[in-house]
Full PDB file with SEQRES, HELIX, SHEET, SSBOND, CRYST1, ORIGX, SCALE, CONECT and MASTER records, all heavy atoms in Angstrom:
SEQRES   1 A   30  SER PHE TRP LEU MET ILE CYS ASP HIS HIS LEU THR THR          
SEQRES   2 A   30  TYR LEU ARG CYS GLN ALA GLY TYR ALA ASP GLY THR ALA          
SEQRES   3 A   30  ASN TYR ALA TYR                                              
SHEET    1 AA1 2 TRP A   3  HIS A  10  0                                        
SHEET    2 AA1 2 LEU A  15  TYR A  21 -1                                        
SSBOND   1 CYS A    7    CYS A   17                          1555   1555  2.14  
CRYST1    1.000    1.000    1.000  90.00  90.00  90.00 P 1           1          
ORIGX1      1.000000  0.000000  0.000000        0.00000                         
ORIGX2      0.000000  1.000000  0.000000        0.00000                         
ORIGX3      0.000000  0.000000  1.000000        0.00000                         
SCALE1      1.000000  0.000000  0.000000        0.00000                         
SCALE2      0.000000  1.000000  0.000000        0.00000                         
SCALE3      0.000000  0.000000  1.000000        0.00000                         
ATOM      1  N   SER A   1     -24.861  -5.560 -33.156  1.00  0.00           N  
ATOM      2  CA  SER A   1     -23.414  -5.329 -33.231  1.00  0.00           C  
ATOM      3  C   SER A   1     -22.596  -6.480 -32.671  1.00  0.00           C  
ATOM      4  O   SER A   1     -21.372  -6.393 -32.604  1.00  0.00           O  
ATOM      5  CB  SER A   1     -23.050  -4.024 -32.467  1.00  0.00           C  
ATOM      6  OG  SER A   1     -23.447  -4.168 -31.136  1.00  0.00           O  
ATOM      7  N   PHE A   2     -23.227  -7.560 -32.205  1.00  0.00           N  
ATOM      8  CA  PHE A   2     -22.480  -8.676 -31.597  1.00  0.00           C  
ATOM      9  C   PHE A   2     -22.411  -9.812 -32.600  1.00  0.00           C  
ATOM     10  O   PHE A   2     -23.348 -10.570 -32.749  1.00  0.00           O  
ATOM     11  CB  PHE A   2     -23.196  -9.073 -30.295  1.00  0.00           C  
ATOM     12  CG  PHE A   2     -22.349  -9.966 -29.435  1.00  0.00           C  
ATOM     13  CD1 PHE A   2     -21.152  -9.506 -28.944  1.00  0.00           C  
ATOM     14  CD2 PHE A   2     -22.760 -11.232 -29.109  1.00  0.00           C  
ATOM     15  CE1 PHE A   2     -20.374 -10.300 -28.134  1.00  0.00           C  
ATOM     16  CE2 PHE A   2     -21.981 -12.053 -28.304  1.00  0.00           C  
ATOM     17  CZ  PHE A   2     -20.797 -11.567 -27.834  1.00  0.00           C  
ATOM     18  N   TRP A   3     -21.281  -9.894 -33.289  1.00  0.00           N  
ATOM     19  CA  TRP A   3     -21.154 -10.880 -34.356  1.00  0.00           C  
ATOM     20  C   TRP A   3     -19.692 -11.266 -34.535  1.00  0.00           C  
ATOM     21  O   TRP A   3     -18.825 -10.725 -33.918  1.00  0.00           O  
ATOM     22  CB  TRP A   3     -21.733 -10.351 -35.651  1.00  0.00           C  
ATOM     23  CG  TRP A   3     -21.098  -9.022 -36.073  1.00  0.00           C  
ATOM     24  CD1 TRP A   3     -21.402  -7.783 -35.626  1.00  0.00           C  
ATOM     25  CD2 TRP A   3     -20.000  -8.871 -36.964  1.00  0.00           C  
ATOM     26  NE1 TRP A   3     -20.611  -6.839 -36.224  1.00  0.00           N  
ATOM     27  CE2 TRP A   3     -19.735  -7.484 -37.040  1.00  0.00           C  
ATOM     28  CE3 TRP A   3     -19.265  -9.722 -37.728  1.00  0.00           C  
ATOM     29  CZ2 TRP A   3     -18.735  -6.981 -37.854  1.00  0.00           C  
ATOM     30  CZ3 TRP A   3     -18.250  -9.201 -38.529  1.00  0.00           C  
ATOM     31  CH2 TRP A   3     -18.024  -7.838 -38.572  1.00  0.00           C  
ATOM     32  N   LEU A   4     -19.442 -12.217 -35.397  1.00  0.00           N  
ATOM     33  CA  LEU A   4     -18.071 -12.648 -35.675  1.00  0.00           C  
ATOM     34  C   LEU A   4     -17.917 -12.903 -37.141  1.00  0.00           C  
ATOM     35  O   LEU A   4     -18.898 -13.048 -37.907  1.00  0.00           O  
ATOM     36  CB  LEU A   4     -17.726 -13.921 -34.885  1.00  0.00           C  
ATOM     37  CG  LEU A   4     -18.562 -15.161 -35.078  1.00  0.00           C  
ATOM     38  CD1 LEU A   4     -18.011 -15.978 -36.263  1.00  0.00           C  
ATOM     39  CD2 LEU A   4     -18.581 -16.016 -33.815  1.00  0.00           C  
ATOM     40  N   MET A   5     -16.671 -12.999 -37.583  1.00  0.00           N  
ATOM     41  CA  MET A   5     -16.378 -13.291 -38.988  1.00  0.00           C  
ATOM     42  C   MET A   5     -15.695 -14.648 -39.046  1.00  0.00           C  
ATOM     43  O   MET A   5     -14.838 -14.973 -38.212  1.00  0.00           O  
ATOM     44  CB  MET A   5     -15.405 -12.267 -39.576  1.00  0.00           C  
ATOM     45  CG  MET A   5     -16.055 -10.929 -39.835  1.00  0.00           C  
ATOM     46  SD  MET A   5     -17.507 -10.996 -40.894  1.00  0.00           S  
ATOM     47  CE  MET A   5     -16.810 -11.497 -42.430  1.00  0.00           C  
ATOM     48  N   ILE A   6     -16.087 -15.428 -39.999  1.00  0.00           N  
ATOM     49  CA  ILE A   6     -15.459 -16.713 -40.250  1.00  0.00           C  
ATOM     50  C   ILE A   6     -14.689 -16.587 -41.551  1.00  0.00           C  
ATOM     51  O   ILE A   6     -15.262 -16.367 -42.607  1.00  0.00           O  
ATOM     52  CB  ILE A   6     -16.520 -17.844 -40.360  1.00  0.00           C  
ATOM     53  CG1 ILE A   6     -17.341 -17.895 -39.098  1.00  0.00           C  
ATOM     54  CG2 ILE A   6     -15.857 -19.161 -40.699  1.00  0.00           C  
ATOM     55  CD1 ILE A   6     -18.602 -18.692 -39.231  1.00  0.00           C  
ATOM     56  N   CYS A   7     -13.370 -16.640 -41.452  1.00  0.00           N  
ATOM     57  CA  CYS A   7     -12.515 -16.523 -42.625  1.00  0.00           C  
ATOM     58  C   CYS A   7     -11.860 -17.859 -42.820  1.00  0.00           C  
ATOM     59  O   CYS A   7     -10.794 -18.152 -42.293  1.00  0.00           O  
ATOM     60  CB  CYS A   7     -11.499 -15.394 -42.434  1.00  0.00           C  
ATOM     61  SG  CYS A   7     -12.231 -13.777 -42.149  1.00  0.00           S  
ATOM     62  N   ASP A   8     -12.523 -18.716 -43.584  1.00  0.00           N  
ATOM     63  CA  ASP A   8     -12.052 -20.114 -43.689  1.00  0.00           C  
ATOM     64  C   ASP A   8     -11.394 -20.454 -45.031  1.00  0.00           C  
ATOM     65  O   ASP A   8     -11.060 -21.568 -45.266  1.00  0.00           O  
ATOM     66  CB  ASP A   8     -13.209 -21.086 -43.426  1.00  0.00           C  
ATOM     67  CG  ASP A   8     -14.394 -20.837 -44.354  1.00  0.00           C  
ATOM     68  OD1 ASP A   8     -14.339 -19.907 -45.158  1.00  0.00           O  
ATOM     69  OD2 ASP A   8     -15.360 -21.609 -44.250  1.00  0.00           O  
ATOM     70  N   HIS A   9     -11.196 -19.491 -45.869  1.00  0.00           N  
ATOM     71  CA  HIS A   9     -10.502 -19.713 -47.119  1.00  0.00           C  
ATOM     72  C   HIS A   9      -9.226 -18.893 -47.135  1.00  0.00           C  
ATOM     73  O   HIS A   9      -9.135 -17.855 -47.802  1.00  0.00           O  
ATOM     74  CB  HIS A   9     -11.385 -19.369 -48.308  1.00  0.00           C  
ATOM     75  CG  HIS A   9     -12.590 -20.242 -48.436  1.00  0.00           C  
ATOM     76  ND1 HIS A   9     -13.770 -19.967 -47.797  1.00  0.00           N  
ATOM     77  CD2 HIS A   9     -12.780 -21.382 -49.113  1.00  0.00           C  
ATOM     78  CE1 HIS A   9     -14.663 -20.896 -48.070  1.00  0.00           C  
ATOM     79  NE2 HIS A   9     -14.094 -21.773 -48.880  1.00  0.00           N  
ATOM     80  N   HIS A  10      -8.241 -19.292 -46.349  1.00  0.00           N  
ATOM     81  CA  HIS A  10      -6.931 -18.578 -46.287  1.00  0.00           C  
ATOM     82  C   HIS A  10      -6.070 -19.035 -47.436  1.00  0.00           C  
ATOM     83  O   HIS A  10      -5.592 -20.172 -47.420  1.00  0.00           O  
ATOM     84  CB  HIS A  10      -6.217 -18.966 -44.978  1.00  0.00           C  
ATOM     85  CG  HIS A  10      -6.357 -18.013 -43.900  1.00  0.00           C  
ATOM     86  ND1 HIS A  10      -5.263 -17.567 -43.170  1.00  0.00           N  
ATOM     87  CD2 HIS A  10      -7.412 -17.418 -43.338  1.00  0.00           C  
ATOM     88  CE1 HIS A  10      -5.636 -16.723 -42.238  1.00  0.00           C  
ATOM     89  NE2 HIS A  10      -6.949 -16.623 -42.312  1.00  0.00           N  
ATOM     90  N   LEU A  11      -5.836 -18.203 -48.399  1.00  0.00           N  
ATOM     91  CA  LEU A  11      -4.896 -18.506 -49.475  1.00  0.00           C  
ATOM     92  C   LEU A  11      -3.902 -17.354 -49.573  1.00  0.00           C  
ATOM     93  O   LEU A  11      -4.124 -16.284 -48.984  1.00  0.00           O  
ATOM     94  CB  LEU A  11      -5.629 -18.706 -50.796  1.00  0.00           C  
ATOM     95  CG  LEU A  11      -6.563 -19.941 -50.822  1.00  0.00           C  
ATOM     96  CD1 LEU A  11      -7.471 -19.900 -51.991  1.00  0.00           C  
ATOM     97  CD2 LEU A  11      -5.734 -21.206 -50.814  1.00  0.00           C  
ATOM     98  N   THR A  12      -2.838 -17.521 -50.271  1.00  0.00           N  
ATOM     99  CA  THR A  12      -1.812 -16.462 -50.340  1.00  0.00           C  
ATOM    100  C   THR A  12      -2.266 -15.319 -51.213  1.00  0.00           C  
ATOM    101  O   THR A  12      -1.759 -14.202 -51.052  1.00  0.00           O  
ATOM    102  CB  THR A  12      -0.484 -17.033 -50.853  1.00  0.00           C  
ATOM    103  OG1 THR A  12      -0.701 -17.589 -52.162  1.00  0.00           O  
ATOM    104  CG2 THR A  12       0.102 -18.066 -49.915  1.00  0.00           C  
ATOM    105  N   THR A  13      -3.214 -15.533 -52.111  1.00  0.00           N  
ATOM    106  CA  THR A  13      -3.633 -14.486 -53.046  1.00  0.00           C  
ATOM    107  C   THR A  13      -4.981 -13.889 -52.690  1.00  0.00           C  
ATOM    108  O   THR A  13      -5.364 -12.864 -53.272  1.00  0.00           O  
ATOM    109  CB  THR A  13      -3.700 -15.037 -54.472  1.00  0.00           C  
ATOM    110  OG1 THR A  13      -4.554 -16.158 -54.515  1.00  0.00           O  
ATOM    111  CG2 THR A  13      -2.300 -15.401 -54.961  1.00  0.00           C  
ATOM    112  N   TYR A  14      -5.760 -14.534 -51.828  1.00  0.00           N  
ATOM    113  CA  TYR A  14      -7.049 -13.971 -51.429  1.00  0.00           C  
ATOM    114  C   TYR A  14      -7.518 -14.600 -50.111  1.00  0.00           C  
ATOM    115  O   TYR A  14      -6.991 -15.612 -49.644  1.00  0.00           O  
ATOM    116  CB  TYR A  14      -8.114 -14.123 -52.506  1.00  0.00           C  
ATOM    117  CG  TYR A  14      -8.602 -15.542 -52.735  1.00  0.00           C  
ATOM    118  CD1 TYR A  14      -9.647 -16.070 -51.974  1.00  0.00           C  
ATOM    119  CD2 TYR A  14      -8.061 -16.359 -53.718  1.00  0.00           C  
ATOM    120  CE1 TYR A  14     -10.109 -17.366 -52.163  1.00  0.00           C  
ATOM    121  CE2 TYR A  14      -8.506 -17.636 -53.926  1.00  0.00           C  
ATOM    122  CZ  TYR A  14      -9.555 -18.133 -53.163  1.00  0.00           C  
ATOM    123  OH  TYR A  14      -9.989 -19.391 -53.348  1.00  0.00           O  
ATOM    124  N   LEU A  15      -8.544 -13.960 -49.542  1.00  0.00           N  
ATOM    125  CA  LEU A  15      -9.153 -14.418 -48.273  1.00  0.00           C  
ATOM    126  C   LEU A  15     -10.668 -14.263 -48.419  1.00  0.00           C  
ATOM    127  O   LEU A  15     -11.129 -13.228 -48.860  1.00  0.00           O  
ATOM    128  CB  LEU A  15      -8.638 -13.578 -47.106  1.00  0.00           C  
ATOM    129  CG  LEU A  15      -9.300 -13.761 -45.751  1.00  0.00           C  
ATOM    130  CD1 LEU A  15      -8.920 -15.157 -45.188  1.00  0.00           C  
ATOM    131  CD2 LEU A  15      -8.869 -12.688 -44.797  1.00  0.00           C  
ATOM    132  N   ARG A  16     -11.417 -15.328 -48.064  1.00  0.00           N  
ATOM    133  CA  ARG A  16     -12.891 -15.260 -48.123  1.00  0.00           C  
ATOM    134  C   ARG A  16     -13.416 -15.292 -46.707  1.00  0.00           C  
ATOM    135  O   ARG A  16     -13.037 -16.162 -45.911  1.00  0.00           O  
ATOM    136  CB  ARG A  16     -13.458 -16.373 -48.951  1.00  0.00           C  
ATOM    137  CG  ARG A  16     -14.972 -16.249 -49.103  1.00  0.00           C  
ATOM    138  CD  ARG A  16     -15.524 -17.222 -50.086  1.00  0.00           C  
ATOM    139  NE  ARG A  16     -16.966 -17.084 -50.230  1.00  0.00           N  
ATOM    140  CZ  ARG A  16     -17.696 -17.778 -51.078  1.00  0.00           C  
ATOM    141  NH1 ARG A  16     -17.123 -18.613 -51.894  1.00  0.00           N  
ATOM    142  NH2 ARG A  16     -19.030 -17.614 -51.126  1.00  0.00           N  
ATOM    143  N   CYS A  17     -14.316 -14.348 -46.373  1.00  0.00           N  
ATOM    144  CA  CYS A  17     -14.857 -14.254 -45.023  1.00  0.00           C  
ATOM    145  C   CYS A  17     -16.405 -14.171 -45.102  1.00  0.00           C  
ATOM    146  O   CYS A  17     -16.960 -13.590 -46.037  1.00  0.00           O  
ATOM    147  CB  CYS A  17     -14.367 -12.982 -44.315  1.00  0.00           C  
ATOM    148  SG  CYS A  17     -12.579 -12.947 -44.093  1.00  0.00           S  
ATOM    149  N   GLN A  18     -17.065 -14.748 -44.073  1.00  0.00           N  
ATOM    150  CA  GLN A  18     -18.475 -14.701 -43.923  1.00  0.00           C  
ATOM    151  C   GLN A  18     -18.829 -14.263 -42.521  1.00  0.00           C  
ATOM    152  O   GLN A  18     -18.156 -14.704 -41.559  1.00  0.00           O  
ATOM    153  CB  GLN A  18     -19.093 -16.070 -44.246  1.00  0.00           C  
ATOM    154  CG  GLN A  18     -18.834 -16.519 -45.648  1.00  0.00           C  
ATOM    155  CD  GLN A  18     -19.153 -17.986 -45.852  1.00  0.00           C  
ATOM    156  OE1 GLN A  18     -18.742 -18.821 -45.081  1.00  0.00           O  
ATOM    157  NE2 GLN A  18     -19.896 -18.263 -46.911  1.00  0.00           N  
ATOM    158  N   ALA A  19     -19.877 -13.424 -42.392  1.00  0.00           N  
ATOM    159  CA  ALA A  19     -20.245 -12.905 -41.079  1.00  0.00           C  
ATOM    160  C   ALA A  19     -21.307 -13.782 -40.463  1.00  0.00           C  
ATOM    161  O   ALA A  19     -22.116 -14.381 -41.143  1.00  0.00           O  
ATOM    162  CB  ALA A  19     -20.770 -11.484 -41.229  1.00  0.00           C  
ATOM    163  N   GLY A  20     -21.275 -13.814 -39.117  1.00  0.00           N  
ATOM    164  CA  GLY A  20     -22.314 -14.553 -38.373  1.00  0.00           C  
ATOM    165  C   GLY A  20     -22.442 -13.985 -36.986  1.00  0.00           C  
ATOM    166  O   GLY A  20     -21.706 -13.078 -36.585  1.00  0.00           O  
ATOM    167  N   TYR A  21     -23.422 -14.487 -36.259  1.00  0.00           N  
ATOM    168  CA  TYR A  21     -23.596 -14.094 -34.880  1.00  0.00           C  
ATOM    169  C   TYR A  21     -22.579 -14.769 -34.010  1.00  0.00           C  
ATOM    170  O   TYR A  21     -21.942 -15.758 -34.376  1.00  0.00           O  
ATOM    171  CB  TYR A  21     -25.006 -14.407 -34.422  1.00  0.00           C  
ATOM    172  CG  TYR A  21     -26.055 -13.542 -35.043  1.00  0.00           C  
ATOM    173  CD1 TYR A  21     -26.968 -14.048 -35.950  1.00  0.00           C  
ATOM    174  CD2 TYR A  21     -26.111 -12.178 -34.734  1.00  0.00           C  
ATOM    175  CE1 TYR A  21     -27.910 -13.226 -36.522  1.00  0.00           C  
ATOM    176  CE2 TYR A  21     -27.076 -11.367 -35.304  1.00  0.00           C  
ATOM    177  CZ  TYR A  21     -27.973 -11.916 -36.181  1.00  0.00           C  
ATOM    178  OH  TYR A  21     -28.903 -11.084 -36.763  1.00  0.00           O  
ATOM    179  N   ALA A  22     -22.381 -14.271 -32.811  1.00  0.00           N  
ATOM    180  CA  ALA A  22     -21.379 -14.801 -31.871  1.00  0.00           C  
ATOM    181  C   ALA A  22     -21.657 -16.271 -31.515  1.00  0.00           C  
ATOM    182  O   ALA A  22     -20.741 -16.991 -31.121  1.00  0.00           O  
ATOM    183  CB  ALA A  22     -21.292 -13.982 -30.600  1.00  0.00           C  
ATOM    184  N   ASP A  23     -22.916 -16.764 -31.687  1.00  0.00           N  
ATOM    185  CA  ASP A  23     -23.213 -18.154 -31.365  1.00  0.00           C  
ATOM    186  C   ASP A  23     -22.869 -19.092 -32.535  1.00  0.00           C  
ATOM    187  O   ASP A  23     -23.077 -20.297 -32.477  1.00  0.00           O  
ATOM    188  CB  ASP A  23     -24.656 -18.351 -30.953  1.00  0.00           C  
ATOM    189  CG  ASP A  23     -25.654 -18.043 -32.069  1.00  0.00           C  
ATOM    190  OD1 ASP A  23     -25.215 -17.741 -33.212  1.00  0.00           O  
ATOM    191  OD2 ASP A  23     -26.866 -18.119 -31.835  1.00  0.00           O  
ATOM    192  N   GLY A  24     -22.304 -18.507 -33.619  1.00  0.00           N  
ATOM    193  CA  GLY A  24     -21.889 -19.312 -34.772  1.00  0.00           C  
ATOM    194  C   GLY A  24     -22.921 -19.428 -35.867  1.00  0.00           C  
ATOM    195  O   GLY A  24     -22.633 -19.947 -36.954  1.00  0.00           O  
ATOM    196  N   THR A  25     -24.135 -18.968 -35.662  1.00  0.00           N  
ATOM    197  CA  THR A  25     -25.135 -19.009 -36.730  1.00  0.00           C  
ATOM    198  C   THR A  25     -24.857 -17.903 -37.740  1.00  0.00           C  
ATOM    199  O   THR A  25     -24.374 -16.853 -37.408  1.00  0.00           O  
ATOM    200  CB  THR A  25     -26.577 -18.878 -36.168  1.00  0.00           C  
ATOM    201  OG1 THR A  25     -26.650 -17.616 -35.463  1.00  0.00           O  
ATOM    202  CG2 THR A  25     -26.896 -19.992 -35.210  1.00  0.00           C  
ATOM    203  N   ALA A  26     -25.204 -18.189 -38.982  1.00  0.00           N  
ATOM    204  CA  ALA A  26     -24.973 -17.226 -40.047  1.00  0.00           C  
ATOM    205  C   ALA A  26     -25.922 -16.052 -39.916  1.00  0.00           C  
ATOM    206  O   ALA A  26     -27.031 -16.183 -39.421  1.00  0.00           O  
ATOM    207  CB  ALA A  26     -25.132 -17.909 -41.404  1.00  0.00           C  
ATOM    208  N   ASN A  27     -25.488 -14.902 -40.400  1.00  0.00           N  
ATOM    209  CA  ASN A  27     -26.349 -13.725 -40.384  1.00  0.00           C  
ATOM    210  C   ASN A  27     -26.551 -13.300 -41.856  1.00  0.00           C  
ATOM    211  O   ASN A  27     -25.674 -12.683 -42.444  1.00  0.00           O  
ATOM    212  CB  ASN A  27     -25.724 -12.597 -39.614  1.00  0.00           C  
ATOM    213  CG  ASN A  27     -26.636 -11.361 -39.610  1.00  0.00           C  
ATOM    214  OD1 ASN A  27     -27.684 -11.333 -40.241  1.00  0.00           O  
ATOM    215  ND2 ASN A  27     -26.231 -10.348 -38.910  1.00  0.00           N  
ATOM    216  N   TYR A  28     -27.677 -13.678 -42.387  1.00  0.00           N  
ATOM    217  CA  TYR A  28     -27.991 -13.256 -43.740  1.00  0.00           C  
ATOM    218  C   TYR A  28     -29.121 -12.225 -43.785  1.00  0.00           C  
ATOM    219  O   TYR A  28     -29.674 -11.942 -44.833  1.00  0.00           O  
ATOM    220  CB  TYR A  28     -28.371 -14.485 -44.580  1.00  0.00           C  
ATOM    221  CG  TYR A  28     -27.246 -15.491 -44.654  1.00  0.00           C  
ATOM    222  CD1 TYR A  28     -27.309 -16.681 -44.033  1.00  0.00           C  
ATOM    223  CD2 TYR A  28     -26.067 -15.133 -45.374  1.00  0.00           C  
ATOM    224  CE1 TYR A  28     -26.276 -17.586 -44.110  1.00  0.00           C  
ATOM    225  CE2 TYR A  28     -25.022 -16.017 -45.441  1.00  0.00           C  
ATOM    226  CZ  TYR A  28     -25.128 -17.246 -44.808  1.00  0.00           C  
ATOM    227  OH  TYR A  28     -24.062 -18.122 -44.876  1.00  0.00           O  
ATOM    228  N   ALA A  29     -29.463 -11.677 -42.620  1.00  0.00           N  
ATOM    229  CA  ALA A  29     -30.547 -10.702 -42.559  1.00  0.00           C  
ATOM    230  C   ALA A  29     -30.060  -9.291 -42.749  1.00  0.00           C  
ATOM    231  O   ALA A  29     -30.819  -8.432 -43.227  1.00  0.00           O  
ATOM    232  CB  ALA A  29     -31.238 -10.833 -41.219  1.00  0.00           C  
ATOM    233  N   TYR A  30     -28.826  -8.995 -42.396  1.00  0.00           N  
ATOM    234  CA  TYR A  30     -28.325  -7.613 -42.444  1.00  0.00           C  
ATOM    235  C   TYR A  30     -27.024  -7.550 -43.218  1.00  0.00           C  
ATOM    236  O   TYR A  30     -26.139  -8.403 -43.035  1.00  0.00           O  
ATOM    237  CB  TYR A  30     -28.114  -7.067 -41.032  1.00  0.00           C  
ATOM    238  CG  TYR A  30     -29.379  -7.069 -40.200  1.00  0.00           C  
ATOM    239  CD1 TYR A  30     -29.568  -8.018 -39.211  1.00  0.00           C  
ATOM    240  CD2 TYR A  30     -30.384  -6.141 -40.430  1.00  0.00           C  
ATOM    241  CE1 TYR A  30     -30.680  -8.055 -38.449  1.00  0.00           C  
ATOM    242  CE2 TYR A  30     -31.540  -6.162 -39.685  1.00  0.00           C  
ATOM    243  CZ  TYR A  30     -31.705  -7.104 -38.696  1.00  0.00           C  
ATOM    244  OH  TYR A  30     -32.820  -7.123 -37.964  1.00  0.00           O  
TER     245      TYR A  30                                                      
CONECT   61  148                                                                
CONECT  148   61                                                                
MASTER        0    0    0    0    2    0    0    6  244    1    2    3          
END                                                                             
């Protein structure tokens, strides 16, 4: 349960977000 979201595609019509662990590594396991 300890993770963060990286939302790096801020546009006026949409937002893209990717989840990762709190240390910044991506989480593609769950």
